[in-house]
Amino acid sequence: MGEKENMTVGGQAVIEGVMMRSSHFYVVALRRSNGEITVDKQPINSLSQKWSFLKLPFLRGIVVLIESLVIGIKTLTYSADVFAGDTEEKEETEISAEEKDAKKNKKNTLSFFMLILTVLFSFLFGIFLFIILPLMLTQYLKMNVFEFESKVAFNLMDGFLRISIFLIYVVVISFIKDIRRVFQYHGAEHKAVYTYEAKEELTIEKARKFSTLHPRCGTAFLIVVMVMSIFLFSLFTPASFLEKLLIRLVLIPFIAGISYEIIKYSFKARSNRLVKILMFPGLFLQKLTTSAPDDGQIEVALTALNEVLDLEQNRQKQD
């Protein structure tokens, strides 16, 4: 049990639910339209479990980032499928068992291709919105407005625009009703993780008192990535727009690896006053991406957490 208690857990909010993950498993708990909670359990076949060198500092951050993106999109797609299925059941007339099986197989095939397309679109959209667009705007400002020559000034402006675009994006999507509910589940996820880390009983009453802001949140990670990119991009002096873009794309894994180590260290040293100050921007930004959850949403988060802990406990017994 000692290993289990020291284990790092994290999660992600999805449509009407929460995903919780440990080192070897992830679990998605969703609130169905009939009020019941459904659970999906999956193993994590991490590359770092096959090749131990990928657990080394810096490399592990790159692995975690890639695997988190894949698992995140899988769980979002799964929750969207369940949500759509609930809607279809309300409208569906009676059909034969054979037709139901055929429909299910067709849906599974479509879901696979939709997952691939979603991953590709999300990646390209993120590249455009947070790398290409701020770079284009900075290049325009340099040539037509400020005319600054310093590479530091250029990258500061680029970083400022990148963070501004991200903030605008978060604010805009927060007006969408379904996204606001996702932000509530995001808050529930943080409360559940805090309860576990405090080694308290995993109940709604215990979890309710904790904050919705967590230093290991992906939102805080993104802020560190954006700040780190300003410094690393300033080490290079590419001449053309294309060279600047290529350098930014190549450096993404390196920035992610460094940022992961910073987040990991800052969480361990979170009682340090200086670390608290450095962590403040990431926590403050979470006020935009988390909302106070209701008890039902906390229950869903705790269900996912309990299930993933049980899976890890059973694995330890088998070992």
Protein backbone atom coordinates (compact mmCIF):
# COMPACT_ATOMS: atom_id res chain seq x y z
CA MET A 1 0.00 0.00 0.00
CA GLY A 2 2.94 2.33 0.62
CA GLU A 3 3.82 2.37 -3.07
CA LYS A 4 0.23 3.05 -3.95
CA GLU A 5 0.00 5.97 -1.56
CA ASN A 6 3.09 7.62 -3.08
CA MET A 7 1.94 7.04 -6.65
CA THR A 8 1.37 10.05 -8.87
CA VAL A 9 -2.09 10.32 -10.37
CA GLY A 10 -3.49 12.88 -12.74
CA GLY A 11 -6.44 13.36 -14.99
CA GLN A 12 -8.42 15.27 -17.53
CA ALA A 13 -11.95 16.53 -17.83
CA VAL A 14 -14.00 15.15 -20.73
CA ILE A 15 -17.59 15.55 -21.89
CA GLU A 16 -19.77 14.85 -18.84
CA GLY A 17 -16.96 13.08 -17.06
CA VAL A 18 -13.38 12.73 -15.89
CA MET A 19 -10.42 10.62 -16.95
CA MET A 20 -7.95 9.57 -14.26
CA ARG A 21 -4.61 7.96 -15.03
CA SER A 22 -1.79 6.29 -13.14
CA SER A 23 1.45 4.78 -14.40
CA HIS A 24 -0.18 1.70 -15.90
CA PHE A 25 -3.90 2.44 -16.36
CA TYR A 26 -6.42 5.12 -17.21
CA VAL A 27 -10.11 5.15 -16.35
CA VAL A 28 -12.91 7.29 -17.77
CA ALA A 29 -16.02 7.83 -15.64
CA LEU A 30 -19.01 9.46 -17.34
CA ARG A 31 -22.40 10.63 -16.12
CA ARG A 32 -24.99 9.15 -18.48
CA SER A 33 -28.21 10.92 -19.38
CA ASN A 34 -30.12 8.54 -17.08
CA GLY A 35 -28.00 9.67 -14.12
CA GLU A 36 -25.89 6.53 -13.87
CA ILE A 37 -22.09 6.57 -13.93
CA THR A 38 -20.43 4.41 -16.58
CA VAL A 39 -16.76 3.45 -16.37
CA ASP A 40 -14.24 2.50 -19.05
CA LYS A 41 -10.89 0.99 -17.95
CA GLN A 42 -7.84 0.77 -20.19
CA PRO A 43 -4.18 -0.22 -19.74
CA ILE A 44 -1.37 2.18 -20.60
CA ASN A 45 1.33 0.55 -22.70
CA SER A 46 3.92 3.26 -22.19
CA LEU A 47 7.08 3.32 -24.27
CA SER A 48 9.03 4.08 -21.09
CA GLN A 49 7.98 0.68 -19.72
CA LYS A 50 9.64 -1.01 -22.70
CA TRP A 51 12.72 1.21 -22.92
CA SER A 52 13.94 2.36 -19.52
CA PHE A 53 16.16 5.11 -20.97
CA LEU A 54 12.98 7.03 -21.81
CA LYS A 55 12.49 7.52 -18.06
CA LEU A 56 15.55 9.77 -17.95
CA PRO A 57 14.99 13.47 -17.19
CA PHE A 58 13.99 15.52 -20.22
CA LEU A 59 13.19 12.44 -22.34
CA ARG A 60 10.39 11.40 -19.98
CA GLY A 61 8.72 14.77 -20.49
CA ILE A 62 8.56 14.25 -24.25
CA VAL A 63 7.12 10.75 -23.78
CA VAL A 64 4.55 11.96 -21.26
CA LEU A 65 3.47 14.80 -23.56
CA ILE A 66 2.94 12.51 -26.58
CA GLU A 67 1.16 9.81 -24.58
CA SER A 68 -1.00 12.37 -22.77
CA LEU A 69 -2.11 13.84 -26.09
CA VAL A 70 -3.02 10.41 -27.47
CA ILE A 71 -4.87 9.32 -24.31
CA GLY A 72 -6.54 12.72 -24.01
CA ILE A 73 -7.96 12.63 -27.51
CA LYS A 74 -9.00 8.98 -27.11
CA THR A 75 -10.93 9.75 -23.93
CA LEU A 76 -12.53 12.87 -25.39
CA THR A 77 -13.62 10.86 -28.43
CA TYR A 78 -14.98 8.09 -26.19
CA SER A 79 -16.96 10.55 -24.08
CA ALA A 80 -18.34 12.20 -27.22
CA ASP A 81 -19.40 8.77 -28.55
CA VAL A 82 -21.17 7.91 -25.29
CA PHE A 83 -22.88 11.30 -25.20
CA ALA A 84 -23.99 10.90 -28.83
CA GLY A 85 -25.15 7.34 -28.08
CA ASP A 86 -27.36 8.56 -25.25
CA THR A 87 -28.92 11.06 -27.62
CA GLU A 88 -29.50 8.39 -30.29
CA GLU A 89 -31.14 6.00 -27.80
CA LYS A 90 -33.77 8.58 -27.02
CA GLU A 91 -34.66 8.94 -30.70
CA GLU A 92 -34.03 5.38 -31.94
CA THR A 93 -36.94 3.14 -32.90
CA GLU A 94 -36.82 -0.62 -32.46
CA ILE A 95 -34.53 -2.42 -34.91
CA SER A 96 -33.38 -6.03 -35.19
CA ALA A 97 -30.34 -7.41 -33.36
CA GLU A 98 -28.52 -7.91 -36.68
CA GLU A 99 -29.12 -4.29 -37.66
CA LYS A 100 -27.91 -3.15 -34.26
CA ASP A 101 -24.69 -5.17 -34.64
CA ALA A 102 -24.09 -3.83 -38.14
CA LYS A 103 -24.71 -0.30 -36.93
CA LYS A 104 -22.31 -0.82 -34.02
CA ASN A 105 -19.54 -2.18 -36.27
CA LYS A 106 -19.97 0.70 -38.68
CA LYS A 107 -19.87 3.16 -35.78
CA ASN A 108 -16.65 1.59 -34.42
CA THR A 109 -15.01 1.90 -37.84
CA LEU A 110 -16.08 5.50 -38.16
CA SER A 111 -14.89 6.21 -34.61
CA PHE A 112 -11.39 4.93 -35.49
CA PHE A 113 -11.12 7.16 -38.54
CA MET A 114 -12.63 10.07 -36.65
CA LEU A 115 -9.98 9.59 -33.96
CA ILE A 116 -7.20 9.75 -36.55
CA LEU A 117 -8.72 12.83 -38.19
CA THR A 118 -9.29 14.49 -34.82
CA VAL A 119 -5.66 13.92 -33.76
CA LEU A 120 -4.40 15.29 -37.08
CA PHE A 121 -6.73 18.29 -37.07
CA SER A 122 -6.00 19.12 -33.41
CA PHE A 123 -2.26 18.99 -34.05
CA LEU A 124 -2.43 21.18 -37.16
CA PHE A 125 -4.87 23.61 -35.54
CA GLY A 126 -2.64 23.96 -32.49
CA ILE A 127 0.44 24.51 -34.66
CA PHE A 128 -1.34 27.22 -36.64
CA LEU A 129 -2.99 29.00 -33.70
CA PHE A 130 -0.10 29.02 -31.25
CA ILE A 131 2.98 28.97 -33.49
CA ILE A 132 2.30 30.11 -37.06
CA LEU A 133 -0.24 32.87 -36.29
CA PRO A 134 1.79 34.66 -33.56
CA LEU A 135 4.91 34.35 -35.71
CA MET A 136 3.10 35.88 -38.70
CA LEU A 137 1.76 38.74 -36.57
CA THR A 138 5.19 39.39 -35.05
CA GLN A 139 6.81 39.41 -38.48
CA TYR A 140 4.20 41.89 -39.70
CA LEU A 141 4.70 44.15 -36.67
CA LYS A 142 8.46 44.07 -37.13
CA MET A 143 8.25 45.08 -40.78
CA ASN A 144 5.43 47.61 -40.61
CA VAL A 145 5.06 48.97 -37.08
CA PHE A 146 7.92 48.65 -34.59
CA GLU A 147 10.83 47.74 -36.90
CA PHE A 148 12.84 46.21 -34.02
CA GLU A 149 16.05 44.37 -34.90
CA SER A 150 16.78 42.66 -31.58
CA LYS A 151 16.03 38.92 -31.63
CA VAL A 152 15.12 39.16 -27.94
CA ALA A 153 12.54 41.86 -28.69
CA PHE A 154 11.21 39.78 -31.58
CA ASN A 155 10.77 36.69 -29.41
CA LEU A 156 9.29 38.68 -26.54
CA MET A 157 6.66 40.03 -28.90
CA ASP A 158 6.13 36.57 -30.37
CA GLY A 159 5.71 35.11 -26.87
CA PHE A 160 3.39 37.91 -25.78
CA LEU A 161 1.16 37.34 -28.80
CA ARG A 162 1.21 33.56 -28.26
CA ILE A 163 0.06 33.91 -24.66
CA SER A 164 -2.52 36.54 -25.64
CA ILE A 165 -3.98 34.29 -28.34
CA PHE A 166 -4.16 31.44 -25.85
CA LEU A 167 -5.96 33.60 -23.29
CA ILE A 168 -8.43 34.88 -25.90
CA TYR A 169 -9.05 31.30 -27.07
CA VAL A 170 -9.80 30.11 -23.52
CA VAL A 171 -12.10 33.06 -22.81
CA VAL A 172 -14.01 32.56 -26.07
CA ILE A 173 -14.62 28.83 -25.58
CA SER A 174 -15.65 29.43 -21.95
CA PHE A 175 -18.88 30.99 -23.27
CA ILE A 176 -19.89 27.62 -24.77
CA LYS A 177 -22.29 25.86 -22.39
CA ASP A 178 -20.79 22.38 -22.86
CA ILE A 179 -17.28 23.74 -22.33
CA ARG A 180 -18.36 25.40 -19.07
CA ARG A 181 -19.47 21.98 -17.84
CA VAL A 182 -16.12 20.51 -18.90
CA PHE A 183 -14.43 23.24 -16.83
CA GLN A 184 -16.56 22.16 -13.85
CA TYR A 185 -15.42 18.56 -14.30
CA HIS A 186 -11.88 19.95 -14.56
CA GLY A 187 -12.37 21.48 -11.12
CA ALA A 188 -13.79 18.19 -9.82
CA GLU A 189 -10.74 16.34 -11.12
CA HIS A 190 -8.42 18.68 -9.21
CA LYS A 191 -10.43 18.34 -6.00
CA ALA A 192 -10.28 14.54 -6.24
CA VAL A 193 -6.51 14.51 -6.85
CA TYR A 194 -5.94 16.92 -3.95
CA THR A 195 -7.94 14.62 -1.67
CA TYR A 196 -5.82 11.64 -2.67
CA GLU A 197 -2.56 13.56 -2.25
CA ALA A 198 -3.69 14.67 1.22
CA LYS A 199 -4.23 10.96 2.02
CA GLU A 200 -7.78 11.66 3.10
CA GLU A 201 -10.80 9.46 2.56
CA LEU A 202 -12.00 9.71 -1.02
CA THR A 203 -15.48 11.04 -0.33
CA ILE A 204 -17.46 13.97 -1.66
CA GLU A 205 -17.42 15.65 1.75
CA LYS A 206 -13.60 15.48 1.98
CA ALA A 207 -13.02 16.51 -1.64
CA ARG A 208 -15.43 19.44 -1.52
CA LYS A 209 -13.11 21.56 0.66
CA PHE A 210 -10.11 21.46 -1.69
CA SER A 211 -9.17 24.01 -4.35
CA THR A 212 -9.96 23.69 -8.05
CA LEU A 213 -6.44 25.02 -8.83
CA HIS A 214 -3.61 22.47 -8.99
CA PRO A 215 0.09 23.14 -9.72
CA ARG A 216 0.49 20.01 -11.89
CA CYS A 217 -2.38 20.99 -14.18
CA GLY A 218 -1.84 20.99 -17.93
CA THR A 219 -2.80 24.66 -18.00
CA ALA A 220 0.19 25.50 -15.79
CA PHE A 221 2.35 23.32 -18.05
CA LEU A 222 1.28 25.34 -21.11
CA ILE A 223 2.27 28.60 -19.45
CA VAL A 224 5.73 27.21 -18.66
CA VAL A 225 6.03 26.02 -22.27
CA MET A 226 5.16 29.46 -23.60
CA VAL A 227 7.63 31.25 -21.30
CA MET A 228 10.41 28.73 -21.99
CA SER A 229 9.87 29.11 -25.73
CA ILE A 230 10.73 32.81 -25.50
CA PHE A 231 14.15 32.02 -24.04
CA LEU A 232 14.99 29.09 -26.31
CA PHE A 233 13.85 30.79 -29.50
CA SER A 234 16.12 33.73 -28.62
CA LEU A 235 19.19 31.47 -28.86
CA PHE A 236 18.82 31.27 -32.63
CA THR A 237 19.07 33.92 -35.33
CA PRO A 238 17.18 32.62 -38.39
CA ALA A 239 16.80 35.10 -41.21
CA SER A 240 13.65 34.09 -43.05
CA PHE A 241 10.10 33.43 -41.84
CA LEU A 242 10.37 29.78 -42.92
CA GLU A 243 13.58 29.28 -40.93
CA LYS A 244 11.95 30.79 -37.84
CA LEU A 245 8.96 28.48 -38.25
CA LEU A 246 11.08 25.35 -38.73
CA ILE A 247 13.19 26.12 -35.66
CA ARG A 248 10.04 26.57 -33.57
CA LEU A 249 8.64 23.24 -34.74
CA VAL A 250 11.93 21.40 -34.11
CA LEU A 251 12.26 22.87 -30.61
CA ILE A 252 8.75 21.87 -29.45
CA PRO A 253 9.86 18.48 -28.01
CA PHE A 254 12.86 20.07 -26.25
CA ILE A 255 10.71 22.80 -24.72
CA ALA A 256 8.15 20.22 -23.60
CA GLY A 257 10.85 18.10 -21.97
CA ILE A 258 12.35 21.03 -20.06
CA SER A 259 8.92 22.35 -19.05
CA TYR A 260 7.90 18.93 -17.69
CA GLU A 261 10.97 18.86 -15.43
CA ILE A 262 10.20 22.39 -14.20
CA ILE A 263 6.61 21.45 -13.34
CA LYS A 264 7.76 18.23 -11.67
CA TYR A 265 10.33 20.04 -9.53
CA SER A 266 8.05 22.95 -8.67
CA PHE A 267 5.39 20.57 -7.36
CA LYS A 268 7.91 18.86 -5.09
CA ALA A 269 9.18 22.23 -3.85
CA ARG A 270 5.75 23.89 -3.75
CA SER A 271 6.20 24.99 -0.12
CA ASN A 272 9.15 27.20 -1.13
CA ARG A 273 8.18 30.88 -1.26
CA LEU A 274 10.03 31.59 -4.52
CA VAL A 275 8.48 28.53 -6.16
CA LYS A 276 5.03 29.70 -5.04
CA ILE A 277 5.61 33.02 -6.77
CA LEU A 278 6.76 31.30 -9.98
CA MET A 279 3.76 28.97 -9.87
CA PHE A 280 1.27 31.81 -9.45
CA PRO A 281 0.69 32.59 -13.19
CA GLY A 282 -0.19 28.95 -13.91
CA LEU A 283 -2.56 28.76 -10.95
CA PHE A 284 -4.12 32.10 -11.82
CA LEU A 285 -4.77 30.99 -15.39
CA GLN A 286 -6.64 27.96 -14.07
CA LYS A 287 -9.31 30.35 -12.84
CA LEU A 288 -10.29 30.48 -16.52
CA THR A 289 -10.14 26.73 -17.17
CA THR A 290 -11.74 25.41 -13.96
CA SER A 291 -15.05 26.10 -12.25
CA ALA A 292 -16.60 25.02 -8.97
CA PRO A 293 -18.16 21.57 -9.51
CA ASP A 294 -21.34 20.24 -7.94
CA ASP A 295 -21.39 17.11 -5.79
CA GLY A 296 -22.47 14.94 -8.71
CA GLN A 297 -19.42 15.99 -10.72
CA ILE A 298 -17.12 15.37 -7.76
CA GLU A 299 -18.67 11.91 -7.45
CA VAL A 300 -17.76 11.15 -11.06
CA ALA A 301 -14.15 12.29 -10.52
CA LEU A 302 -13.83 10.19 -7.35
CA THR A 303 -15.29 7.17 -9.16
CA ALA A 304 -12.60 7.40 -11.84
CA LEU A 305 -9.90 7.90 -9.22
CA ASN A 306 -11.03 4.96 -7.08
CA GLU A 307 -11.19 2.69 -10.11
CA VAL A 308 -7.67 3.53 -11.29
CA LEU A 309 -6.30 3.07 -7.76
CA ASP A 310 -8.00 -0.31 -7.52
CA LEU A 311 -6.42 -1.36 -10.81
CA GLU A 312 -2.98 -0.38 -9.53
CA GLN A 313 -3.58 -2.16 -6.22
CA ASN A 314 -4.61 -5.37 -7.99
CA ARG A 315 -1.55 -5.12 -10.22
CA GLN A 316 0.72 -4.80 -7.17
CA LYS A 317 -0.87 -7.89 -5.62
CA GLN A 318 -0.27 -9.87 -8.81
CA ASP A 319 3.35 -8.75 -8.91
